[in-house]
């Protein structure tokens, strides 16, 4: 099963997170399938590759809670009503 989750990058006390599609059995810093965006909580910046995210969601990938909140803020779920998020 594939999940959309955050992968920590950056330096101490200044973390940024990549949003990646990754196998469930991999660790947080494990090898990811694709990078689909990034999130900087300090500057409150987000970049999302929307077509790639929608592709993974349509194929059955499940976003984690935090990624789901980021996608809701970006109003991604209003574009496609056929995608179910648990």
Protein backbone atom coordinates (compact mmCIF):
# COMPACT_ATOMS: atom_id res chain seq x y z
CA UNK A 1 0.00 0.00 0.00
CA UNK A 2 1.19 3.50 -0.84
CA UNK A 3 0.82 6.49 1.46
CA UNK A 4 1.36 10.19 0.99
CA UNK A 5 3.41 11.26 4.00
CA UNK A 6 5.96 13.81 5.17
CA UNK A 7 9.69 13.22 4.94
CA UNK A 8 11.82 15.44 7.19
CA UNK A 9 14.64 17.49 5.63
CA UNK A 10 16.55 20.61 6.58
CA UNK A 11 18.75 21.36 9.55
CA UNK A 12 18.30 21.35 13.32
CA UNK A 13 15.53 23.62 14.59
CA UNK A 14 14.70 24.51 10.96
CA UNK A 15 12.92 21.51 9.51
CA UNK A 16 11.17 21.46 6.17
CA UNK A 17 9.20 18.50 4.95
CA UNK A 18 8.90 16.86 1.56
CA UNK A 19 5.55 15.35 0.72
CA UNK A 20 6.32 11.97 -0.81
CA UNK A 21 4.53 8.89 -2.05
CA UNK A 22 6.11 6.01 -0.14
CA UNK A 23 5.44 2.37 0.63
CA UNK A 24 3.82 1.81 4.02
CA UNK A 25 6.57 -0.53 5.18
CA UNK A 26 9.35 2.05 4.65
CA UNK A 27 10.69 4.22 7.44
CA UNK A 28 10.22 7.99 7.49
CA UNK A 29 13.56 8.69 5.79
CA UNK A 30 13.32 5.59 3.60
CA UNK A 31 13.31 5.46 -0.15
CA UNK A 32 10.29 7.19 -1.64
CA UNK A 33 8.48 6.42 -4.89
CA UNK A 34 7.99 10.05 -5.97
CA UNK A 35 8.30 13.51 -4.48
CA UNK A 36 4.98 15.29 -4.87
CA UNK A 37 5.56 18.54 -2.98
CA UNK A 38 7.07 20.22 0.06
CA UNK A 39 5.89 22.04 3.18
CA UNK A 40 7.80 24.64 5.20
CA UNK A 41 6.04 25.20 8.55
CA UNK A 42 8.28 28.12 9.56
CA UNK A 43 7.57 30.24 6.47
CA UNK A 44 4.15 28.59 6.03
CA UNK A 45 4.90 27.80 2.38
CA UNK A 46 3.55 24.84 0.48
CA UNK A 47 4.26 23.55 -3.02
CA UNK A 48 2.09 20.75 -4.40
CA UNK A 49 2.36 18.90 -7.69
CA UNK A 50 -1.42 18.61 -8.03
CA UNK A 51 -1.63 16.30 -11.08
CA UNK A 52 0.78 13.84 -9.49
CA UNK A 53 -1.04 13.93 -6.14
CA UNK A 54 -4.37 13.32 -7.85
CA UNK A 55 -2.83 10.42 -9.78
CA UNK A 56 -1.66 8.72 -6.59
CA UNK A 57 -4.97 9.35 -4.82
CA UNK A 58 -6.92 7.85 -7.73
CA UNK A 59 -4.67 4.79 -7.65
CA UNK A 60 -5.54 4.22 -3.97
CA UNK A 61 -2.82 6.02 -2.03
CA UNK A 62 -3.90 7.16 1.44
CA UNK A 63 -2.65 10.49 2.83
CA UNK A 64 -1.61 10.66 6.48
CA UNK A 65 -3.49 13.01 8.79
CA UNK A 66 -1.03 15.88 8.45
CA UNK A 67 -0.81 15.58 4.67
CA UNK A 68 -4.60 15.41 4.51
CA UNK A 69 -4.79 18.71 6.43
CA UNK A 70 -2.27 20.31 4.05
CA UNK A 71 -4.27 19.15 1.03
CA UNK A 72 -7.51 20.46 2.56
CA UNK A 73 -5.90 23.87 3.14
CA UNK A 74 -4.93 23.90 -0.53
CA UNK A 75 -8.59 23.08 -1.35
CA UNK A 76 -7.51 20.06 -3.34
CA UNK A 77 -10.48 17.94 -2.32
CA UNK A 78 -13.01 20.47 -3.61
CA UNK A 79 -11.73 19.96 -7.15
CA UNK A 80 -12.31 16.20 -7.15
CA UNK A 81 -15.27 14.83 -5.23
CA UNK A 82 -14.68 11.23 -6.37
CA UNK A 83 -11.63 10.84 -4.10
CA UNK A 84 -12.33 9.35 -0.68
CA UNK A 85 -10.03 10.24 2.16
CA UNK A 86 -10.05 8.23 5.40
